[in-house]
């Protein structure tokens, strides 16, 4: 930290407040001087440092307790800045994706030499994105530097979607925490690599796989999206570790037919030391240990509430295990929910259909 203590700055999400820009200018100056600033985006809150300042970037890893082999994403105020740090002009597909920005989308391309290796974890590529959130873009614009930023949480824990989450994890570690309200997407950005002939989806998010295919044509999905990295395999994107996004309580995932899933969740709830994350109406009981995340017909609510639900469960006394359902398919935003929850549960999944079939 370069400040004596963490400063919390509250701004209006639309920057309509009289002092909002003044507060962001202060935070931007902290970035320029090598400090750490936590800020809201449409996906999750980020912990930012000047991407061109190696000392500042390394302080991100220290604050989070993050492994050095985990690359960071460079956040920019405008898509026109992307060519400064990656070889965008050599890639037609990059131009197509830049036209979609700002968006909850990160593009990986061969990097230029001005990006330090500590940002890319030694890879010869760099991940870049332009956030939709106006607070984030204005902060970056005022700082006049590219901002390297992972999620603003202790490494491996659920990502922060509110300033309260950030304060819990980063008080005394970040110089400034900007409170700009709740993140409306709730899941980290989609990450797609353009380093090979066929684009490769490394991490699903709010910018869906189907939308990528509409823009780019053929897009492959990395095996690591829904399965574990192979022994010794180096992560090409944040969020690819075996266990990630996990609360302190153990997480178990449940899949299967609706009636069997509901039956299993109720059985586990009645054990008494269990928290439940489910859809509206899955369990007709009102209890703080049952958190609902919208309806089956709209998983965008699940995505928005997921990390907050995991964090809330950790605060409920007596909850030792969390049983959470998986969406019925992996289409659209559901692929991202699958990806995050599999890692939160370290790939522990119960098939409710098989569970009750064995019990017959």
Protein backbone atom coordinates (compact mmCIF):
# COMPACT_ATOMS: atom_id res chain seq x y z
CA UNK A 1 0.00 0.00 0.00
CA UNK A 2 1.10 3.56 -0.66
CA UNK A 3 -1.57 5.11 1.59
CA UNK A 4 -1.50 4.75 5.37
CA UNK A 5 -4.93 3.10 5.40
CA UNK A 6 -7.59 1.92 2.96
CA UNK A 7 -9.82 4.72 1.72
CA UNK A 8 -13.42 3.82 0.77
CA UNK A 9 -14.97 6.04 -1.89
CA UNK A 10 -18.69 5.74 -2.67
CA UNK A 11 -19.82 6.88 -6.11
CA UNK A 12 -23.09 6.72 -8.02
CA UNK A 13 -23.08 3.89 -10.59
CA UNK A 14 -23.96 6.42 -13.32
CA UNK A 15 -21.49 9.02 -11.99
CA UNK A 16 -24.34 11.50 -11.46
CA UNK A 17 -23.03 12.64 -8.07
CA UNK A 18 -21.45 16.07 -7.72
CA UNK A 19 -18.16 14.70 -6.32
CA UNK A 20 -18.01 11.39 -8.23
CA UNK A 21 -15.41 12.47 -10.78
CA UNK A 22 -13.30 14.10 -8.08
CA UNK A 23 -13.28 10.82 -6.14
CA UNK A 24 -12.31 8.84 -9.23
CA UNK A 25 -9.53 11.34 -10.01
CA UNK A 26 -8.11 10.69 -6.53
CA UNK A 27 -8.22 6.91 -7.12
CA UNK A 28 -6.68 7.35 -10.58
CA UNK A 29 -3.79 9.27 -9.05
CA UNK A 30 -3.24 6.38 -6.62
CA UNK A 31 -3.01 4.01 -9.61
CA UNK A 32 -0.49 6.25 -11.35
CA UNK A 33 1.65 6.36 -8.21
CA UNK A 34 1.79 2.55 -7.93
CA UNK A 35 -1.08 1.88 -5.54
CA UNK A 36 -3.88 -0.69 -5.59
CA UNK A 37 -7.47 0.33 -6.34
CA UNK A 38 -10.50 -1.97 -6.11
CA UNK A 39 -13.24 -0.92 -8.50
CA UNK A 40 -16.59 -2.17 -9.81
CA UNK A 41 -17.13 -3.62 -13.26
CA UNK A 42 -20.25 -5.15 -14.79
CA UNK A 43 -18.81 -8.62 -14.05
CA UNK A 44 -17.16 -8.56 -10.60
CA UNK A 45 -15.08 -6.06 -8.62
CA UNK A 46 -11.46 -5.87 -9.76
CA UNK A 47 -8.23 -5.17 -7.85
CA UNK A 48 -6.30 -2.87 -10.15
CA UNK A 49 -2.73 -1.68 -10.57
CA UNK A 50 -0.84 0.10 -13.33
CA UNK A 51 -0.13 -2.75 -15.77
CA UNK A 52 3.15 -1.11 -16.84
CA UNK A 53 4.50 -0.89 -13.27
CA UNK A 54 6.01 -4.27 -12.32
CA UNK A 55 6.24 -3.45 -8.61
CA UNK A 56 2.59 -2.41 -8.49
CA UNK A 57 1.48 -5.51 -10.40
CA UNK A 58 3.42 -7.81 -8.07
CA UNK A 59 1.65 -6.20 -5.11
CA UNK A 60 -1.65 -7.56 -6.52
CA UNK A 61 -0.36 -11.12 -6.13
CA UNK A 62 0.74 -10.37 -2.56
CA UNK A 63 -2.58 -8.78 -1.57
CA UNK A 64 -4.62 -11.67 -2.97
CA UNK A 65 -2.26 -14.49 -2.05
CA UNK A 66 -2.37 -15.34 -5.76
CA UNK A 67 -0.02 -17.80 -7.49
CA UNK A 68 2.46 -16.17 -9.85
CA UNK A 69 1.52 -18.58 -12.68
CA UNK A 70 -1.99 -17.11 -12.93
CA UNK A 71 -2.16 -14.40 -15.65
CA UNK A 72 -3.95 -11.09 -15.17
CA UNK A 73 -6.38 -9.24 -17.44
CA UNK A 74 -5.48 -5.75 -18.67
CA UNK A 75 -8.44 -3.36 -18.50
CA UNK A 76 -8.64 -0.45 -20.94
CA UNK A 77 -10.86 2.61 -21.33
CA UNK A 78 -11.31 2.11 -25.07
CA UNK A 79 -10.94 -0.69 -27.61
CA UNK A 80 -8.74 1.66 -29.66
CA UNK A 81 -6.04 1.23 -26.99
CA UNK A 82 -5.78 -2.54 -27.44
CA UNK A 83 -3.24 -2.33 -30.25
CA UNK A 84 -0.80 -0.56 -27.91
CA UNK A 85 -0.29 -3.73 -25.89
CA UNK A 86 -1.23 -6.59 -28.26
CA UNK A 87 -0.73 -7.27 -31.96
CA UNK A 88 -4.34 -6.48 -32.84
CA UNK A 89 -3.57 -5.12 -36.30
CA UNK A 90 -2.43 -8.60 -37.36
CA UNK A 91 -5.75 -10.27 -36.53
CA UNK A 92 -9.01 -9.76 -38.44
CA UNK A 93 -11.02 -11.63 -35.78
CA UNK A 94 -9.74 -9.21 -33.15
CA UNK A 95 -11.25 -6.33 -35.10
CA UNK A 96 -14.62 -8.09 -35.06
CA UNK A 97 -14.53 -8.49 -31.29
CA UNK A 98 -13.26 -4.97 -30.68
CA UNK A 99 -16.41 -3.73 -32.44
CA UNK A 100 -18.44 -5.40 -29.65
CA UNK A 101 -16.69 -3.52 -26.87
CA UNK A 102 -17.26 -2.38 -24.20
CA UNK A 103 -18.52 -5.80 -23.13
CA UNK A 104 -18.01 -8.54 -20.50
CA UNK A 105 -15.44 -10.01 -22.86
CA UNK A 106 -11.68 -10.55 -22.67
CA UNK A 107 -9.57 -11.21 -25.77
CA UNK A 108 -6.19 -12.96 -25.61
CA UNK A 109 -3.67 -12.09 -28.34
CA UNK A 110 0.12 -12.09 -28.83
CA UNK A 111 1.50 -9.38 -26.57
CA UNK A 112 3.79 -6.47 -27.29
CA UNK A 113 7.05 -6.05 -25.39
CA UNK A 114 5.78 -3.16 -23.23
CA UNK A 115 3.63 -5.51 -21.13
CA UNK A 116 5.66 -6.96 -18.21
CA UNK A 117 5.90 -10.75 -17.91
CA UNK A 118 4.45 -10.60 -14.39
CA UNK A 119 1.13 -9.52 -15.96
CA UNK A 120 1.02 -12.47 -18.36
CA UNK A 121 2.60 -15.08 -16.02
CA UNK A 122 5.40 -15.52 -18.56
CA UNK A 123 3.07 -16.25 -21.48
CA UNK A 124 3.73 -14.56 -24.83
CA UNK A 125 0.10 -13.44 -24.98
CA UNK A 126 -1.89 -10.79 -23.12
CA UNK A 127 -5.57 -10.74 -22.10
CA UNK A 128 -7.37 -7.42 -22.60
CA UNK A 129 -10.87 -6.09 -22.12
CA UNK A 130 -12.93 -2.88 -22.06
CA UNK A 131 -15.50 -3.03 -19.24
CA UNK A 132 -19.08 -1.86 -19.76
CA UNK A 133 -19.20 -0.30 -16.32
CA UNK A 134 -18.91 3.50 -16.66
CA UNK A 135 -17.16 3.86 -13.28
CA UNK A 136 -14.45 1.42 -14.35
CA UNK A 137 -13.91 3.06 -17.74
CA UNK A 138 -13.77 6.58 -16.26
CA UNK A 139 -11.26 5.47 -13.63
CA UNK A 140 -9.01 3.96 -16.30
CA UNK A 141 -9.40 7.01 -18.52
CA UNK A 142 -8.43 9.38 -15.70
CA UNK A 143 -5.42 7.23 -14.76
CA UNK A 144 -4.06 7.30 -18.34
CA UNK A 145 -2.58 3.82 -17.82
CA UNK A 146 -3.69 0.27 -18.65
CA UNK A 147 -4.99 -1.39 -15.48
CA UNK A 148 -4.12 -5.01 -14.67
CA UNK A 149 -6.89 -6.39 -12.49
CA UNK A 150 -7.98 -9.80 -11.25
CA UNK A 151 -11.05 -10.10 -9.00
CA UNK A 152 -10.75 -8.16 -5.73
CA UNK A 153 -10.93 -11.13 -3.36
CA UNK A 154 -8.63 -13.49 -1.49
CA UNK A 155 -7.38 -15.95 -4.10
CA UNK A 156 -9.57 -19.04 -4.43
CA UNK A 157 -12.56 -17.54 -2.60
CA UNK A 158 -15.88 -16.46 -4.22
CA UNK A 159 -15.45 -13.40 -6.40
CA UNK A 160 -16.79 -10.08 -5.05
CA UNK A 161 -19.93 -8.61 -6.58
CA UNK A 162 -20.48 -5.88 -3.98
CA UNK A 163 -18.18 -3.40 -2.24
CA UNK A 164 -18.99 -5.15 1.05
CA UNK A 165 -17.39 -8.33 -0.31
CA UNK A 166 -14.27 -6.35 -1.25
CA UNK A 167 -14.07 -4.61 2.13
CA UNK A 168 -14.24 -8.01 3.82
CA UNK A 169 -11.26 -9.33 1.81
CA UNK A 170 -9.17 -6.26 0.92
CA UNK A 171 -9.42 -3.81 3.81
CA UNK A 172 -5.85 -2.91 4.73
CA UNK A 173 -4.54 -4.45 1.48
CA UNK A 174 -5.92 -2.11 -1.20
CA UNK A 175 -5.22 1.62 -1.02
CA UNK A 176 -8.67 2.54 -2.33
CA UNK A 177 -11.97 0.66 -2.56
CA UNK A 178 -14.52 2.28 -4.86
CA UNK A 179 -18.10 1.40 -3.93
CA UNK A 180 -20.12 1.64 -7.14
CA UNK A 181 -22.99 -0.68 -6.29
CA UNK A 182 -23.66 -4.32 -7.15
CA UNK A 183 -22.26 -5.89 -10.33
CA UNK A 184 -25.10 -6.72 -12.73
CA UNK A 185 -23.53 -9.68 -14.57
CA UNK A 186 -22.06 -11.32 -11.49
CA UNK A 187 -19.57 -13.61 -13.25
CA UNK A 188 -16.10 -12.83 -14.55
CA UNK A 189 -15.73 -11.93 -18.21
CA UNK A 190 -15.72 -14.42 -21.05
CA UNK A 191 -12.14 -15.13 -22.14
CA UNK A 192 -11.43 -16.11 -25.75
CA UNK A 193 -7.96 -16.69 -27.21
CA UNK A 194 -7.13 -15.60 -30.76
CA UNK A 195 -3.56 -16.94 -30.64
CA UNK A 196 -4.34 -19.84 -32.98
CA UNK A 197 -6.20 -20.17 -36.26
CA UNK A 198 -9.43 -21.27 -34.56
CA UNK A 199 -10.54 -19.09 -31.61
CA UNK A 200 -10.54 -20.93 -28.28
CA UNK A 201 -12.96 -20.25 -25.42
CA UNK A 202 -10.88 -20.40 -22.22
CA UNK A 203 -13.51 -19.16 -19.75
CA UNK A 204 -17.25 -18.70 -20.35
CA UNK A 205 -19.07 -15.65 -19.02
CA UNK A 206 -21.82 -13.15 -19.77
CA UNK A 207 -20.70 -12.86 -23.41
CA UNK A 208 -21.95 -16.29 -24.40
CA UNK A 209 -20.32 -18.98 -26.51
CA UNK A 210 -23.27 -18.82 -28.91
CA UNK A 211 -22.70 -15.10 -29.43
CA UNK A 212 -19.00 -15.66 -30.08
CA UNK A 213 -19.88 -18.22 -32.76
CA UNK A 214 -22.27 -15.76 -34.42
CA UNK A 215 -19.44 -13.22 -34.70
CA UNK A 216 -16.41 -15.42 -35.37
CA UNK A 217 -17.85 -18.59 -36.91
CA UNK A 218 -16.06 -21.64 -35.55
CA UNK A 219 -15.00 -21.37 -31.88
CA UNK A 220 -13.52 -24.27 -29.93
CA UNK A 221 -14.14 -24.77 -26.20
CA UNK A 222 -11.13 -25.55 -24.02
CA UNK A 223 -11.36 -28.90 -22.23
CA UNK A 224 -10.55 -27.01 -19.03
CA UNK A 225 -13.92 -25.20 -19.13
CA UNK A 226 -15.82 -28.21 -17.76
CA UNK A 227 -12.97 -30.45 -16.60
CA UNK A 228 -9.76 -30.23 -14.59
CA UNK A 229 -6.43 -29.02 -15.91
CA UNK A 230 -4.05 -31.86 -16.67
CA UNK A 231 -1.13 -32.46 -14.31
CA UNK A 232 1.48 -29.76 -14.92
CA UNK A 233 -0.71 -27.87 -17.41
CA UNK A 234 -0.23 -24.11 -17.14
CA UNK A 235 -3.41 -21.96 -16.94
CA UNK A 236 -3.90 -19.81 -20.04
CA UNK A 237 -6.60 -17.75 -18.35
CA UNK A 238 -7.65 -16.75 -14.83
CA UNK A 239 -10.13 -19.13 -13.19
CA UNK A 240 -8.78 -22.38 -14.66
CA UNK A 241 -7.46 -23.85 -11.41
CA UNK A 242 -8.86 -27.14 -10.03
CA UNK A 243 -10.49 -25.42 -7.03
CA UNK A 244 -11.50 -21.78 -7.24
CA UNK A 245 -14.36 -19.44 -6.25
CA UNK A 246 -14.86 -21.60 -3.13
CA UNK A 247 -16.37 -20.59 0.24
CA UNK A 248 -15.04 -22.00 3.51
CA UNK A 249 -17.91 -24.52 3.71
CA UNK A 250 -17.69 -27.61 1.50
CA UNK A 251 -19.72 -27.37 -1.71
CA UNK A 252 -21.58 -30.27 -3.31
CA UNK A 253 -23.38 -29.89 -6.64
CA UNK A 254 -26.60 -31.62 -7.62
CA UNK A 255 -27.89 -32.38 -11.10
CA UNK A 256 -30.79 -34.42 -12.49
CA UNK A 257 -34.54 -34.24 -13.05
CA UNK A 258 -36.31 -31.43 -11.19
CA UNK A 259 -38.34 -33.70 -8.90
CA UNK A 260 -35.26 -35.73 -7.89
CA UNK A 261 -33.13 -32.64 -7.37
CA UNK A 262 -35.78 -31.07 -5.11
CA UNK A 263 -36.16 -34.32 -3.17
CA UNK A 264 -32.41 -34.62 -2.62
CA UNK A 265 -32.00 -30.97 -1.59
CA UNK A 266 -34.82 -31.31 0.95
CA UNK A 267 -33.25 -34.47 2.36
CA UNK A 268 -29.91 -32.73 2.79
CA UNK A 269 -31.52 -29.62 4.29
CA UNK A 270 -33.20 -31.73 6.97
CA UNK A 271 -29.80 -32.98 8.11
CA UNK A 272 -29.49 -29.59 9.82
CA UNK A 273 -25.93 -28.52 9.04
CA UNK A 274 -26.55 -27.91 5.35
CA UNK A 275 -27.12 -24.78 3.28
CA UNK A 276 -29.10 -24.96 0.03
CA UNK A 277 -28.77 -22.88 -3.15
CA UNK A 278 -31.70 -23.59 -5.47
CA UNK A 279 -34.31 -22.13 -7.81
CA UNK A 280 -37.50 -20.45 -6.63
CA UNK A 281 -39.99 -23.08 -5.47
CA UNK A 282 -37.58 -26.01 -5.30
CA UNK A 283 -38.04 -26.20 -1.53
CA UNK A 284 -41.20 -24.68 -0.04
CA UNK A 285 -39.54 -23.71 3.24
CA UNK A 286 -38.49 -20.25 4.40
CA UNK A 287 -35.10 -20.41 6.11
CA UNK A 288 -31.92 -18.34 5.88
CA UNK A 289 -30.10 -21.57 5.01
CA UNK A 290 -32.09 -21.77 1.75
CA UNK A 291 -31.04 -19.14 -0.80
CA UNK A 292 -32.92 -18.97 -4.09
CA UNK A 293 -31.32 -17.77 -7.32
CA UNK A 294 -34.23 -17.08 -9.66
CA UNK A 295 -36.07 -19.42 -11.99
CA UNK A 296 -35.05 -22.20 -14.34
CA UNK A 297 -36.22 -20.14 -17.29
CA UNK A 298 -33.70 -17.33 -16.67
CA UNK A 299 -30.24 -18.30 -15.41
CA UNK A 300 -28.98 -14.71 -15.62
CA UNK A 301 -30.35 -14.25 -12.08
CA UNK A 302 -28.41 -17.34 -10.94
CA UNK A 303 -25.24 -15.88 -12.44
CA UNK A 304 -25.79 -12.51 -10.75
CA UNK A 305 -26.51 -13.98 -7.31
CA UNK A 306 -24.19 -17.00 -7.27
CA UNK A 307 -21.06 -15.58 -5.61
CA UNK A 308 -23.12 -13.52 -3.18
CA UNK A 309 -25.05 -16.66 -2.18
CA UNK A 310 -21.82 -18.59 -1.53
CA UNK A 311 -20.49 -15.77 0.64
CA UNK A 312 -23.75 -15.47 2.59
CA UNK A 313 -23.69 -19.19 3.36
CA UNK A 314 -20.28 -18.81 5.01
CA UNK A 315 -21.79 -16.28 7.43
CA UNK A 316 -24.61 -18.59 8.59
CA UNK A 317 -23.73 -20.34 11.83
CA UNK A 318 -23.79 -24.12 11.63
CA UNK A 319 -23.56 -24.48 7.85
CA UNK A 320 -20.79 -26.99 7.17
CA UNK A 321 -21.78 -28.06 3.67
CA UNK A 322 -23.55 -26.26 0.82
CA UNK A 323 -25.66 -28.22 -1.67
CA UNK A 324 -26.22 -26.24 -4.87
CA UNK A 325 -28.02 -27.25 -8.01
CA UNK A 326 -26.58 -27.11 -11.48
CA UNK A 327 -28.57 -25.70 -14.43
CA UNK A 328 -30.38 -28.23 -16.62
CA UNK A 329 -28.03 -27.59 -19.59
CA UNK A 330 -24.90 -25.67 -20.55
CA UNK A 331 -26.44 -23.28 -23.06
CA UNK A 332 -25.92 -19.52 -22.85
CA UNK A 333 -24.96 -18.20 -19.41
CA UNK A 334 -25.49 -21.70 -17.95
CA UNK A 335 -22.08 -22.76 -19.31
CA UNK A 336 -20.43 -20.08 -17.16
CA UNK A 337 -22.42 -21.14 -14.08
CA UNK A 338 -21.32 -24.74 -14.62
CA UNK A 339 -17.71 -23.63 -15.01
CA UNK A 340 -17.62 -21.58 -11.79
CA UNK A 341 -19.62 -23.97 -9.64
CA UNK A 342 -17.58 -27.01 -10.66
CA UNK A 343 -14.48 -25.28 -9.36
CA UNK A 344 -16.21 -23.97 -6.23
CA UNK A 345 -17.09 -27.62 -5.48
CA UNK A 346 -13.73 -29.03 -6.64
CA UNK A 347 -15.76 -31.07 -9.18
CA UNK A 348 -17.89 -32.88 -6.54
CA UNK A 349 -21.21 -33.62 -8.29
CA UNK A 350 -24.14 -35.83 -7.25
CA UNK A 351 -26.53 -37.15 -9.90
CA UNK A 352 -29.90 -37.09 -8.09
CA UNK A 353 -31.43 -39.54 -10.58
CA UNK A 354 -28.72 -42.13 -9.86
CA UNK A 355 -28.84 -41.33 -6.13
CA UNK A 356 -32.49 -42.35 -5.78
CA UNK A 357 -32.19 -45.20 -8.27
CA UNK A 358 -29.54 -46.80 -6.05
CA UNK A 359 -31.77 -46.31 -3.03
CA UNK A 360 -34.65 -48.28 -4.53
